[in-house]
Amino acid sequence: MKKFLSGFNNFIGLQFKEPKGMTGKLSCLVMNIINRKMYKNIIKYTLLSGSSGSRLKILDIGYGNGYLIYELYKKSKADIAGIDISEDMKKAAIKKNYKGVITGRVLLKTGDCCNLGFKDNTFDIITSVNTIYFWKDTKKGMSEIYRVLKPGGIFYNAVYLKEFLQKFPYTYGIFNFFTKKDYIDIGKEAGFTKSGIKEIAVSKSYLIRYKK
């Protein structure tokens, strides 16, 4: 039984890291529900950033089934790109964002945040919901984000804290754990000198704002 539980937890953890197949699609639907407050916060601040009437260029890292991109497309006039490591999720996200894709306002790619493949100073805003735990190289990923952000651009990173994630057995061996201080320090190391933290759910989830 112990071996079975260990294998099951590992399987669930990997689906959160890189959703695949039907189980991956179900995992994303679960994440859309439990992360709803995170999405709402990112959407709120992104829309405020575009309130001046400027046409924003947004990049979403780890778009999953494309839920956040879909909401941003509906509520803004932004040009939106997304990058995700899962080919299965790319197919699901294209289906969900078909209208945006065919109009050219939404561009979805597979790839790694440690090698974003965009030119320097491309985006006004970069968003990510619960992906930083899975990056192969956190320092490189943050440096890439800093590189492709325009001067004055913002990275909104919605995350759970170490203490909350460690309550779940499926996170061990798959997730990297970070404290609030860790998140700020990671940003500083990448070059972000203006960072702030907003609590989303008490002692559980936070929105980290990094400004270039």
N, C-alpha and C. Protein backbone atom coordinates (compact mmCIF):
# COMPACT_ATOMS: atom_id res chain seq x y z
N MET A 1 0.82 -1.20 0.00
CA MET A 1 0.00 0.00 0.00
C MET A 1 0.87 1.27 0.00
N LYS A 2 1.94 1.24 0.80
CA LYS A 2 2.82 2.40 0.88
C LYS A 2 3.45 2.70 -0.48
N LYS A 3 3.86 1.65 -1.18
CA LYS A 3 4.46 1.81 -2.50
C LYS A 3 3.44 2.36 -3.49
N PHE A 4 2.21 1.87 -3.38
CA PHE A 4 1.13 2.34 -4.27
C PHE A 4 0.86 3.82 -4.04
N LEU A 5 0.76 4.23 -2.77
CA LEU A 5 0.48 5.62 -2.45
C LEU A 5 1.60 6.55 -2.94
N SER A 6 2.84 6.06 -2.78
CA SER A 6 3.98 6.84 -3.23
C SER A 6 3.93 7.04 -4.75
N GLY A 7 3.62 5.97 -5.47
CA GLY A 7 3.51 6.05 -6.92
C GLY A 7 2.36 6.94 -7.37
N PHE A 8 1.25 6.85 -6.65
CA PHE A 8 0.08 7.66 -6.97
C PHE A 8 0.37 9.15 -6.76
N ASN A 9 0.99 9.46 -5.62
CA ASN A 9 1.34 10.86 -5.34
C ASN A 9 2.31 11.42 -6.37
N ASN A 10 3.25 10.59 -6.78
CA ASN A 10 4.21 11.01 -7.80
C ASN A 10 3.51 11.29 -9.13
N PHE A 11 2.55 10.44 -9.47
CA PHE A 11 1.78 10.61 -10.70
C PHE A 11 1.00 11.91 -10.68
N ILE A 12 0.34 12.20 -9.55
CA ILE A 12 -0.45 13.43 -9.43
C ILE A 12 0.47 14.66 -9.51
N GLY A 13 1.59 14.61 -8.82
CA GLY A 13 2.53 15.72 -8.84
C GLY A 13 3.02 16.02 -10.24
N LEU A 14 3.32 14.96 -10.99
CA LEU A 14 3.81 15.13 -12.37
C LEU A 14 2.73 15.70 -13.29
N GLN A 15 1.48 15.40 -13.01
CA GLN A 15 0.39 15.96 -13.82
C GLN A 15 0.24 17.46 -13.59
N PHE A 16 0.52 17.90 -12.37
CA PHE A 16 0.51 19.34 -12.12
C PHE A 16 1.71 20.02 -12.80
N LYS A 17 2.81 19.29 -12.85
CA LYS A 17 4.02 19.83 -13.47
C LYS A 17 3.89 19.90 -14.99
N GLU A 18 3.46 18.79 -15.59
CA GLU A 18 3.32 18.72 -17.05
C GLU A 18 2.08 17.90 -17.40
N PRO A 19 0.92 18.56 -17.46
CA PRO A 19 -0.33 17.84 -17.71
C PRO A 19 -0.32 17.13 -19.07
N LYS A 20 -0.75 15.87 -19.05
CA LYS A 20 -0.80 15.09 -20.28
C LYS A 20 -2.07 14.26 -20.33
N GLY A 21 -2.59 14.07 -21.54
CA GLY A 21 -3.72 13.19 -21.73
C GLY A 21 -4.97 13.65 -20.99
N MET A 22 -5.88 12.71 -20.79
CA MET A 22 -7.15 13.02 -20.13
C MET A 22 -6.93 13.43 -18.67
N THR A 23 -6.00 12.74 -18.00
CA THR A 23 -5.72 13.10 -16.61
C THR A 23 -5.18 14.52 -16.51
N GLY A 24 -4.35 14.91 -17.46
CA GLY A 24 -3.82 16.26 -17.50
C GLY A 24 -4.93 17.29 -17.70
N LYS A 25 -5.88 16.98 -18.57
CA LYS A 25 -7.00 17.89 -18.80
C LYS A 25 -7.83 18.05 -17.53
N LEU A 26 -8.04 16.96 -16.81
CA LEU A 26 -8.78 17.02 -15.55
C LEU A 26 -8.01 17.81 -14.50
N SER A 27 -6.69 17.61 -14.48
CA SER A 27 -5.85 18.34 -13.53
C SER A 27 -5.95 19.84 -13.76
N CYS A 28 -5.98 20.24 -15.03
CA CYS A 28 -6.08 21.67 -15.36
C CYS A 28 -7.44 22.23 -14.95
N LEU A 29 -8.48 21.46 -15.13
CA LEU A 29 -9.80 21.91 -14.69
C LEU A 29 -9.84 22.12 -13.19
N VAL A 30 -9.20 21.21 -12.45
CA VAL A 30 -9.11 21.35 -10.99
C VAL A 30 -8.34 22.62 -10.64
N MET A 31 -7.22 22.84 -11.34
CA MET A 31 -6.40 24.02 -11.08
C MET A 31 -7.16 25.31 -11.41
N ASN A 32 -7.99 25.28 -12.46
CA ASN A 32 -8.79 26.46 -12.80
C ASN A 32 -9.71 26.85 -11.65
N ILE A 33 -10.19 25.84 -10.93
CA ILE A 33 -11.10 26.09 -9.80
C ILE A 33 -10.34 26.54 -8.56
N ILE A 34 -9.32 25.79 -8.16
CA ILE A 34 -8.64 26.10 -6.89
C ILE A 34 -7.76 27.35 -7.00
N ASN A 35 -7.39 27.72 -8.22
CA ASN A 35 -6.54 28.90 -8.42
C ASN A 35 -7.34 30.14 -8.85
N ARG A 36 -8.65 30.09 -8.72
CA ARG A 36 -9.50 31.16 -9.26
C ARG A 36 -9.15 32.53 -8.70
N LYS A 37 -8.88 32.61 -7.41
CA LYS A 37 -8.52 33.90 -6.81
C LYS A 37 -7.21 34.44 -7.37
N MET A 38 -6.30 33.53 -7.69
CA MET A 38 -5.04 33.94 -8.31
C MET A 38 -5.29 34.56 -9.68
N TYR A 39 -6.11 33.89 -10.49
CA TYR A 39 -6.43 34.41 -11.81
C TYR A 39 -7.09 35.79 -11.71
N LYS A 40 -8.04 35.91 -10.78
CA LYS A 40 -8.76 37.18 -10.63
C LYS A 40 -7.82 38.32 -10.29
N ASN A 41 -6.85 38.07 -9.42
CA ASN A 41 -5.90 39.10 -9.04
C ASN A 41 -5.03 39.51 -10.22
N ILE A 42 -4.53 38.53 -10.95
CA ILE A 42 -3.69 38.84 -12.12
C ILE A 42 -4.48 39.62 -13.16
N ILE A 43 -5.70 39.19 -13.44
CA ILE A 43 -6.54 39.88 -14.42
C ILE A 43 -6.80 41.31 -13.99
N LYS A 44 -7.12 41.49 -12.72
CA LYS A 44 -7.40 42.83 -12.19
C LYS A 44 -6.25 43.78 -12.42
N TYR A 45 -5.05 43.38 -12.04
CA TYR A 45 -3.90 44.27 -12.14
C TYR A 45 -3.41 44.43 -13.57
N THR A 46 -3.59 43.41 -14.37
CA THR A 46 -3.24 43.51 -15.79
C THR A 46 -4.14 44.52 -16.49
N LEU A 47 -5.44 44.45 -16.21
CA LEU A 47 -6.38 45.38 -16.82
C LEU A 47 -6.11 46.82 -16.37
N LEU A 48 -5.72 47.00 -15.12
CA LEU A 48 -5.36 48.33 -14.63
C LEU A 48 -4.13 48.87 -15.37
N SER A 49 -3.20 47.97 -15.67
CA SER A 49 -1.99 48.38 -16.40
C SER A 49 -2.31 48.86 -17.80
N GLY A 50 -3.40 48.33 -18.37
CA GLY A 50 -3.77 48.72 -19.71
C GLY A 50 -4.85 49.78 -19.78
N SER A 51 -5.19 50.36 -18.62
CA SER A 51 -6.29 51.32 -18.57
C SER A 51 -6.00 52.63 -19.28
N SER A 52 -4.71 52.89 -19.58
CA SER A 52 -4.34 54.13 -20.27
C SER A 52 -4.72 54.10 -21.75
N GLY A 53 -5.16 52.94 -22.22
CA GLY A 53 -5.56 52.81 -23.61
C GLY A 53 -4.48 52.21 -24.50
N SER A 54 -3.30 52.00 -23.95
CA SER A 54 -2.22 51.41 -24.73
C SER A 54 -2.51 49.94 -25.00
N ARG A 55 -2.05 49.44 -26.14
CA ARG A 55 -2.25 48.04 -26.50
C ARG A 55 -1.13 47.21 -25.88
N LEU A 56 -1.45 46.47 -24.85
CA LEU A 56 -0.45 45.71 -24.12
C LEU A 56 0.02 44.48 -24.89
N LYS A 57 1.26 44.11 -24.63
CA LYS A 57 1.79 42.83 -25.10
C LYS A 57 2.05 41.99 -23.85
N ILE A 58 1.36 40.85 -23.78
CA ILE A 58 1.39 40.01 -22.58
C ILE A 58 1.94 38.64 -22.92
N LEU A 59 2.71 38.08 -22.00
CA LEU A 59 3.18 36.70 -22.11
C LEU A 59 2.73 35.94 -20.88
N ASP A 60 2.07 34.79 -21.09
CA ASP A 60 1.68 33.93 -19.98
C ASP A 60 2.54 32.68 -20.00
N ILE A 61 3.21 32.43 -18.89
CA ILE A 61 4.11 31.27 -18.78
C ILE A 61 3.38 30.12 -18.10
N GLY A 62 3.33 28.97 -18.76
CA GLY A 62 2.64 27.80 -18.21
C GLY A 62 1.14 27.95 -18.34
N TYR A 63 0.65 28.16 -19.57
CA TYR A 63 -0.76 28.51 -19.78
C TYR A 63 -1.73 27.36 -19.56
N GLY A 64 -1.24 26.12 -19.48
CA GLY A 64 -2.15 24.99 -19.23
C GLY A 64 -3.21 24.89 -20.30
N ASN A 65 -4.48 24.82 -19.89
CA ASN A 65 -5.56 24.72 -20.88
C ASN A 65 -5.97 26.08 -21.45
N GLY A 66 -5.23 27.14 -21.12
CA GLY A 66 -5.47 28.45 -21.72
C GLY A 66 -6.51 29.29 -21.04
N TYR A 67 -6.87 28.94 -19.81
CA TYR A 67 -7.95 29.64 -19.10
C TYR A 67 -7.62 31.12 -18.89
N LEU A 68 -6.44 31.43 -18.36
CA LEU A 68 -6.08 32.82 -18.08
C LEU A 68 -5.98 33.62 -19.38
N ILE A 69 -5.40 33.03 -20.40
CA ILE A 69 -5.29 33.72 -21.69
C ILE A 69 -6.68 34.03 -22.25
N TYR A 70 -7.58 33.09 -22.12
CA TYR A 70 -8.96 33.28 -22.58
C TYR A 70 -9.62 34.47 -21.89
N GLU A 71 -9.45 34.55 -20.57
CA GLU A 71 -10.05 35.65 -19.80
C GLU A 71 -9.41 36.98 -20.16
N LEU A 72 -8.10 37.01 -20.34
CA LEU A 72 -7.42 38.25 -20.71
C LEU A 72 -7.82 38.69 -22.12
N TYR A 73 -8.00 37.74 -23.00
CA TYR A 73 -8.41 38.05 -24.38
C TYR A 73 -9.81 38.68 -24.39
N LYS A 74 -10.72 38.14 -23.57
CA LYS A 74 -12.09 38.64 -23.51
C LYS A 74 -12.15 40.06 -22.95
N LYS A 75 -11.28 40.34 -21.96
CA LYS A 75 -11.43 41.56 -21.18
C LYS A 75 -10.43 42.67 -21.53
N SER A 76 -9.56 42.41 -22.50
CA SER A 76 -8.58 43.43 -22.87
C SER A 76 -8.40 43.45 -24.38
N LYS A 77 -7.63 44.42 -24.85
CA LYS A 77 -7.30 44.48 -26.27
C LYS A 77 -5.83 44.10 -26.50
N ALA A 78 -5.31 43.34 -25.57
CA ALA A 78 -3.89 42.99 -25.59
C ALA A 78 -3.57 41.96 -26.67
N ASP A 79 -2.32 41.97 -27.09
CA ASP A 79 -1.76 40.87 -27.87
C ASP A 79 -1.13 39.91 -26.88
N ILE A 80 -1.51 38.64 -26.93
CA ILE A 80 -1.13 37.70 -25.88
C ILE A 80 -0.36 36.52 -26.46
N ALA A 81 0.78 36.24 -25.86
CA ALA A 81 1.55 35.04 -26.21
C ALA A 81 1.58 34.11 -25.00
N GLY A 82 1.77 32.84 -25.26
CA GLY A 82 1.85 31.88 -24.17
C GLY A 82 2.89 30.83 -24.46
N ILE A 83 3.53 30.32 -23.40
CA ILE A 83 4.50 29.24 -23.55
C ILE A 83 4.23 28.19 -22.49
N ASP A 84 4.26 26.93 -22.90
CA ASP A 84 3.99 25.82 -21.98
C ASP A 84 4.80 24.60 -22.45
N ILE A 85 5.20 23.76 -21.50
CA ILE A 85 6.02 22.61 -21.87
C ILE A 85 5.21 21.44 -22.42
N SER A 86 3.89 21.48 -22.25
CA SER A 86 3.06 20.34 -22.64
C SER A 86 2.41 20.54 -24.01
N GLU A 87 2.71 19.65 -24.93
CA GLU A 87 2.10 19.68 -26.26
C GLU A 87 0.59 19.43 -26.16
N ASP A 88 0.20 18.56 -25.23
CA ASP A 88 -1.23 18.29 -25.04
C ASP A 88 -1.97 19.55 -24.60
N MET A 89 -1.35 20.34 -23.72
CA MET A 89 -1.99 21.56 -23.26
C MET A 89 -2.02 22.61 -24.35
N LYS A 90 -1.04 22.61 -25.23
CA LYS A 90 -1.07 23.54 -26.36
C LYS A 90 -2.31 23.28 -27.22
N LYS A 91 -2.58 22.02 -27.49
CA LYS A 91 -3.76 21.66 -28.29
C LYS A 91 -5.04 22.10 -27.59
N ALA A 92 -5.11 21.87 -26.27
CA ALA A 92 -6.31 22.24 -25.50
C ALA A 92 -6.47 23.76 -25.46
N ALA A 93 -5.35 24.48 -25.30
CA ALA A 93 -5.41 25.94 -25.20
C ALA A 93 -5.77 26.57 -26.54
N ILE A 94 -5.28 26.01 -27.63
CA ILE A 94 -5.64 26.52 -28.96
C ILE A 94 -7.15 26.35 -29.18
N LYS A 95 -7.66 25.21 -28.78
CA LYS A 95 -9.11 24.97 -28.93
C LYS A 95 -9.91 25.98 -28.12
N LYS A 96 -9.47 26.25 -26.90
CA LYS A 96 -10.19 27.19 -26.03
C LYS A 96 -10.06 28.63 -26.54
N ASN A 97 -8.92 28.95 -27.13
CA ASN A 97 -8.65 30.32 -27.58
C ASN A 97 -8.66 30.44 -29.10
N TYR A 98 -9.47 29.63 -29.74
CA TYR A 98 -9.45 29.56 -31.20
C TYR A 98 -9.69 30.92 -31.85
N LYS A 99 -10.65 31.67 -31.32
CA LYS A 99 -10.96 32.97 -31.90
C LYS A 99 -9.75 33.90 -31.84
N GLY A 100 -9.07 33.92 -30.72
CA GLY A 100 -7.88 34.75 -30.57
C GLY A 100 -6.75 34.30 -31.47
N VAL A 101 -6.61 32.99 -31.62
CA VAL A 101 -5.55 32.44 -32.47
C VAL A 101 -5.76 32.82 -33.93
N ILE A 102 -6.98 32.67 -34.43
CA ILE A 102 -7.23 32.94 -35.85
C ILE A 102 -7.18 34.44 -36.17
N THR A 103 -7.43 35.29 -35.17
CA THR A 103 -7.34 36.73 -35.40
C THR A 103 -5.90 37.23 -35.27
N GLY A 104 -5.01 36.36 -34.77
CA GLY A 104 -3.61 36.74 -34.63
C GLY A 104 -3.29 37.44 -33.32
N ARG A 105 -4.27 37.60 -32.46
CA ARG A 105 -4.03 38.26 -31.17
C ARG A 105 -3.47 37.31 -30.12
N VAL A 106 -3.62 36.01 -30.34
CA VAL A 106 -3.11 35.01 -29.40
C VAL A 106 -2.13 34.09 -30.11
N LEU A 107 -0.94 33.96 -29.54
CA LEU A 107 0.11 33.08 -30.08
C LEU A 107 0.50 32.10 -28.98
N LEU A 108 0.34 30.80 -29.25
CA LEU A 108 0.63 29.77 -28.25
C LEU A 108 1.78 28.89 -28.73
N LYS A 109 2.77 28.71 -27.86
CA LYS A 109 3.95 27.93 -28.21
C LYS A 109 4.24 26.89 -27.13
N THR A 110 4.97 25.85 -27.50
CA THR A 110 5.53 24.95 -26.50
C THR A 110 6.99 25.34 -26.30
N GLY A 111 7.44 25.21 -25.07
CA GLY A 111 8.82 25.58 -24.78
C GLY A 111 9.05 25.69 -23.29
N ASP A 112 10.24 26.14 -22.97
CA ASP A 112 10.71 26.19 -21.58
C ASP A 112 10.94 27.64 -21.18
N CYS A 113 10.53 28.00 -19.98
CA CYS A 113 10.70 29.38 -19.53
C CYS A 113 12.18 29.75 -19.40
N CYS A 114 13.05 28.78 -19.37
CA CYS A 114 14.49 29.07 -19.27
C CYS A 114 15.08 29.45 -20.63
N ASN A 115 14.28 29.33 -21.68
CA ASN A 115 14.69 29.75 -23.02
C ASN A 115 13.43 30.20 -23.76
N LEU A 116 13.03 31.45 -23.50
CA LEU A 116 11.72 31.92 -23.95
C LEU A 116 11.62 32.11 -25.46
N GLY A 117 12.73 32.39 -26.11
CA GLY A 117 12.69 32.49 -27.56
C GLY A 117 12.06 33.77 -28.10
N PHE A 118 11.97 34.80 -27.27
CA PHE A 118 11.47 36.11 -27.71
C PHE A 118 12.61 37.13 -27.62
N LYS A 119 12.47 38.21 -28.38
CA LYS A 119 13.49 39.25 -28.38
C LYS A 119 13.49 40.01 -27.05
N ASP A 120 14.60 40.67 -26.75
CA ASP A 120 14.70 41.53 -25.57
C ASP A 120 13.61 42.60 -25.62
N ASN A 121 13.12 42.97 -24.42
CA ASN A 121 12.19 44.11 -24.29
C ASN A 121 10.94 43.96 -25.15
N THR A 122 10.34 42.77 -25.14
CA THR A 122 9.17 42.50 -25.98
C THR A 122 7.84 42.78 -25.28
N PHE A 123 7.74 42.42 -23.99
CA PHE A 123 6.43 42.40 -23.33
C PHE A 123 6.27 43.49 -22.26
N ASP A 124 5.03 43.98 -22.17
CA ASP A 124 4.67 44.93 -21.11
C ASP A 124 4.41 44.20 -19.80
N ILE A 125 3.78 43.03 -19.92
CA ILE A 125 3.40 42.25 -18.74
C ILE A 125 3.67 40.77 -19.00
N ILE A 126 4.20 40.10 -17.99
CA ILE A 126 4.34 38.64 -18.02
C ILE A 126 3.59 38.09 -16.82
N THR A 127 2.87 37.01 -17.03
CA THR A 127 2.08 36.40 -15.96
C THR A 127 2.46 34.93 -15.80
N SER A 128 2.26 34.44 -14.59
CA SER A 128 2.46 33.02 -14.32
C SER A 128 1.67 32.63 -13.08
N VAL A 129 0.99 31.50 -13.15
CA VAL A 129 0.23 30.99 -12.01
C VAL A 129 0.76 29.60 -11.66
N ASN A 130 1.44 29.51 -10.53
CA ASN A 130 1.90 28.23 -9.99
C ASN A 130 2.77 27.42 -10.96
N THR A 131 3.76 28.07 -11.54
CA THR A 131 4.69 27.32 -12.39
C THR A 131 6.12 27.34 -11.87
N ILE A 132 6.47 28.32 -11.08
CA ILE A 132 7.86 28.52 -10.69
C ILE A 132 8.43 27.31 -9.95
N TYR A 133 7.58 26.54 -9.30
CA TYR A 133 8.05 25.36 -8.56
C TYR A 133 8.67 24.30 -9.47
N PHE A 134 8.34 24.38 -10.77
CA PHE A 134 8.73 23.33 -11.70
C PHE A 134 9.85 23.72 -12.65
N TRP A 135 10.30 24.95 -12.59
CA TRP A 135 11.34 25.38 -13.52
C TRP A 135 12.63 24.62 -13.29
N LYS A 136 13.27 24.21 -14.36
CA LYS A 136 14.53 23.46 -14.25
C LYS A 136 15.63 24.30 -13.63
N ASP A 137 15.62 25.59 -13.91
CA ASP A 137 16.63 26.50 -13.40
C ASP A 137 15.93 27.81 -13.05
N THR A 138 15.62 28.00 -11.79
CA THR A 138 14.84 29.16 -11.36
C THR A 138 15.55 30.47 -11.69
N LYS A 139 16.85 30.51 -11.45
CA LYS A 139 17.62 31.72 -11.73
C LYS A 139 17.58 32.06 -13.21
N LYS A 140 17.76 31.07 -14.08
CA LYS A 140 17.74 31.30 -15.52
C LYS A 140 16.35 31.73 -15.97
N GLY A 141 15.31 31.09 -15.42
CA GLY A 141 13.94 31.44 -15.79
C GLY A 141 13.62 32.89 -15.47
N MET A 142 14.01 33.34 -14.27
CA MET A 142 13.77 34.73 -13.88
C MET A 142 14.58 35.69 -14.74
N SER A 143 15.78 35.31 -15.08
CA SER A 143 16.62 36.15 -15.93
C SER A 143 16.03 36.30 -17.33
N GLU A 144 15.45 35.22 -17.85
CA GLU A 144 14.79 35.26 -19.14
C GLU A 144 13.57 36.18 -19.11
N ILE A 145 12.81 36.09 -18.03
CA ILE A 145 11.64 36.96 -17.87
C ILE A 145 12.07 38.42 -17.84
N TYR A 146 13.12 38.70 -17.09
CA TYR A 146 13.65 40.06 -17.01
C TYR A 146 14.10 40.55 -18.40
N ARG A 147 14.72 39.66 -19.13
CA ARG A 147 15.25 40.02 -20.45
C ARG A 147 14.15 40.42 -21.42
N VAL A 148 13.05 39.66 -21.46
CA VAL A 148 12.02 39.91 -22.47
C VAL A 148 10.99 40.95 -22.04
N LEU A 149 11.06 41.40 -20.79
CA LEU A 149 10.19 42.49 -20.34
C LEU A 149 10.73 43.83 -20.84
N LYS A 150 9.82 44.71 -21.21
CA LYS A 150 10.22 46.08 -21.55
C LYS A 150 10.65 46.82 -20.29
N PRO A 151 11.45 47.86 -20.40
CA PRO A 151 11.74 48.70 -19.24
C PRO A 151 10.44 49.23 -18.64
N GLY A 152 10.28 49.06 -17.35
CA GLY A 152 9.02 49.43 -16.69
C GLY A 152 7.97 48.33 -16.72
N GLY A 153 8.28 47.22 -17.40
CA GLY A 153 7.35 46.10 -17.49
C GLY A 153 7.22 45.37 -16.16
N ILE A 154 6.15 44.59 -16.03
CA ILE A 154 5.84 43.92 -14.76
C ILE A 154 5.64 42.42 -14.96
N PHE A 155 6.19 41.65 -14.04
CA PHE A 155 5.95 40.21 -13.97
C PHE A 155 5.06 39.93 -12.77
N TYR A 156 3.84 39.43 -13.03
CA TYR A 156 2.92 39.03 -11.97
C TYR A 156 3.03 37.52 -11.78
N ASN A 157 3.50 37.12 -10.61
CA ASN A 157 3.76 35.71 -10.32
C ASN A 157 2.87 35.26 -9.16
N ALA A 158 1.82 34.51 -9.45
CA ALA A 158 0.89 34.02 -8.42
C ALA A 158 1.40 32.68 -7.90
N VAL A 159 1.57 32.58 -6.58
CA VAL A 159 2.24 31.41 -6.00
C VAL A 159 1.62 30.99 -4.67
N TYR A 160 1.91 29.76 -4.30
CA TYR A 160 1.64 29.27 -2.95
C TYR A 160 2.96 29.26 -2.18
N LEU A 161 2.85 29.41 -0.88
CA LEU A 161 4.05 29.40 -0.05
C LEU A 161 4.49 27.98 0.29
N LYS A 162 5.74 27.87 0.63
CA LYS A 162 6.35 26.60 1.02
C LYS A 162 5.54 25.87 2.08
N GLU A 163 5.13 26.60 3.11
CA GLU A 163 4.44 25.99 4.24
C GLU A 163 3.10 25.38 3.84
N PHE A 164 2.45 25.97 2.86
CA PHE A 164 1.18 25.43 2.38
C PHE A 164 1.40 24.22 1.48
N LEU A 165 2.32 24.32 0.55
CA LEU A 165 2.55 23.23 -0.40
C LEU A 165 3.04 21.96 0.29
N GLN A 166 3.80 22.13 1.36
CA GLN A 166 4.36 20.96 2.04
C GLN A 166 3.31 20.14 2.79
N LYS A 167 2.09 20.61 2.83
CA LYS A 167 1.00 19.85 3.45
C LYS A 167 0.53 18.69 2.56
N PHE A 168 0.93 18.73 1.28
CA PHE A 168 0.42 17.76 0.32
C PHE A 168 1.52 16.79 -0.11
N PRO A 169 1.30 15.49 0.06
CA PRO A 169 2.34 14.50 -0.23
C PRO A 169 2.78 14.46 -1.70
N TYR A 170 1.91 14.87 -2.61
CA TYR A 170 2.28 14.80 -4.03
C TYR A 170 3.29 15.86 -4.45
N THR A 171 3.57 16.83 -3.55
CA THR A 171 4.52 17.89 -3.91
C THR A 171 5.97 17.47 -3.69
N TYR A 172 6.22 16.48 -2.83
CA TYR A 172 7.59 16.13 -2.47
C TYR A 172 8.31 15.43 -3.62
N GLY A 173 9.52 15.92 -3.88
CA GLY A 173 10.33 15.35 -4.94
C GLY A 173 10.03 15.90 -6.32
N ILE A 174 8.97 16.70 -6.44
CA ILE A 174 8.57 17.25 -7.73
C ILE A 174 8.53 18.78 -7.69
N PHE A 175 7.98 19.33 -6.61
CA PHE A 175 7.89 20.79 -6.45
C PHE A 175 9.15 21.31 -5.78
N ASN A 176 9.56 22.52 -6.17
CA ASN A 176 10.54 23.27 -5.38
C ASN A 176 9.77 24.20 -4.47
N PHE A 177 10.23 24.35 -3.24
CA PHE A 177 9.51 25.14 -2.24
C PHE A 177 10.20 26.48 -1.99
N PHE A 178 9.40 27.57 -1.87
CA PHE A 178 9.95 28.90 -1.66
C PHE A 178 9.18 29.65 -0.57
N THR A 179 9.91 30.41 0.24
CA THR A 179 9.30 31.30 1.22
C THR A 179 9.07 32.67 0.56
N LYS A 180 8.40 33.58 1.28
CA LYS A 180 8.21 34.93 0.75
C LYS A 180 9.56 35.60 0.49
N LYS A 181 10.49 35.43 1.40
CA LYS A 181 11.82 36.02 1.23
C LYS A 181 12.52 35.43 0.01
N ASP A 182 12.36 34.13 -0.19
CA ASP A 182 12.96 33.48 -1.36
C ASP A 182 12.48 34.13 -2.65
N TYR A 183 11.18 34.38 -2.74
CA TYR A 183 10.62 34.95 -3.96
C TYR A 183 11.20 36.33 -4.25
N ILE A 184 11.35 37.14 -3.22
CA ILE A 184 11.93 38.47 -3.40
C ILE A 184 13.40 38.37 -3.78
N ASP A 185 14.13 37.49 -3.12
CA ASP A 185 15.56 37.33 -3.40
C ASP A 185 15.80 36.83 -4.83
N ILE A 186 14.95 35.92 -5.30
CA ILE A 186 15.07 35.40 -6.67
C ILE A 186 14.93 36.53 -7.67
N GLY A 187 13.98 37.43 -7.40
CA GLY A 187 13.77 38.57 -8.28
C GLY A 187 14.95 39.52 -8.29
N LYS A 188 15.49 39.80 -7.12
CA LYS A 188 16.64 40.71 -7.03
C LYS A 188 17.84 40.15 -7.78
N GLU A 189 18.05 38.85 -7.66
CA GLU A 189 19.18 38.22 -8.33
C GLU A 189 19.07 38.33 -9.85
N ALA A 190 17.82 38.35 -10.34
CA ALA A 190 17.61 38.45 -11.79
C ALA A 190 17.70 39.88 -12.30
N GLY A 191 17.67 40.85 -11.36
CA GLY A 191 17.77 42.25 -11.76
C GLY A 191 16.59 43.11 -11.39
N PHE A 192 15.52 42.50 -10.85
CA PHE A 192 14.35 43.27 -10.45
C PHE A 192 14.65 44.01 -9.14
N THR A 193 14.58 45.33 -9.19
CA THR A 193 14.87 46.14 -7.99
C THR A 193 13.60 46.59 -7.28
N LYS A 194 12.46 46.47 -7.97
CA LYS A 194 11.18 46.87 -7.37
C LYS A 194 10.26 45.65 -7.31
N SER A 195 10.09 45.10 -6.12
CA SER A 195 9.26 43.91 -5.94
C SER A 195 8.30 44.14 -4.79
N GLY A 196 7.14 43.52 -4.85
CA GLY A 196 6.17 43.63 -3.78
C GLY A 196 5.33 42.38 -3.68
N ILE A 197 4.72 42.16 -2.51
CA ILE A 197 3.91 40.97 -2.28
C ILE A 197 2.52 41.36 -1.81
N LYS A 198 1.50 40.79 -2.45
CA LYS A 198 0.12 40.99 -2.03
C LYS A 198 -0.47 39.64 -1.64
N GLU A 199 -1.03 39.56 -0.44
CA GLU A 199 -1.63 38.31 0.01
C GLU A 199 -2.96 38.08 -0.71
N ILE A 200 -3.14 36.88 -1.23
CA ILE A 200 -4.39 36.51 -1.90
C ILE A 200 -5.27 35.73 -0.93
N ALA A 201 -4.73 34.69 -0.31
CA ALA A 201 -5.43 33.92 0.72
C ALA A 201 -4.49 33.84 1.93
N VAL A 202 -5.02 34.07 3.10
CA VAL A 202 -4.21 34.19 4.32
C VAL A 202 -3.27 33.01 4.52
N SER A 203 -1.98 33.32 4.63
CA SER A 203 -0.93 32.33 4.90
C SER A 203 -0.93 31.18 3.89
N LYS A 204 -1.36 31.47 2.70
CA LYS A 204 -1.51 30.40 1.70
C LYS A 204 -0.97 30.82 0.33
N SER A 205 -1.59 31.84 -0.27
CA SER A 205 -1.20 32.22 -1.62
C SER A 205 -0.94 33.73 -1.71
N TYR A 206 -0.05 34.07 -2.66
CA TYR A 206 0.40 35.46 -2.78
C TYR A 206 0.58 35.82 -4.26
N LEU A 207 0.49 37.12 -4.52
CA LEU A 207 0.82 37.64 -5.84
C LEU A 207 2.11 38.45 -5.69
N ILE A 208 3.16 37.98 -6.34
CA ILE A 208 4.44 38.68 -6.31
C ILE A 208 4.51 39.58 -7.54
N ARG A 209 4.82 40.85 -7.33
CA ARG A 209 4.90 41.83 -8.42
C ARG A 209 6.35 42.27 -8.58
N TYR A 210 6.91 41.94 -9.72
CA TYR A 210 8.28 42.33 -10.04
C TYR A 210 8.25 43.37 -11.15
N LYS A 211 8.85 44.52 -10.93
CA LYS A 211 8.89 45.57 -11.95
C LYS A 211 10.31 45.78 -12.44
N LYS A 212 10.47 45.83 -13.75
CA LYS A 212 11.79 46.03 -14.35
C LYS A 212 12.16 47.51 -14.36
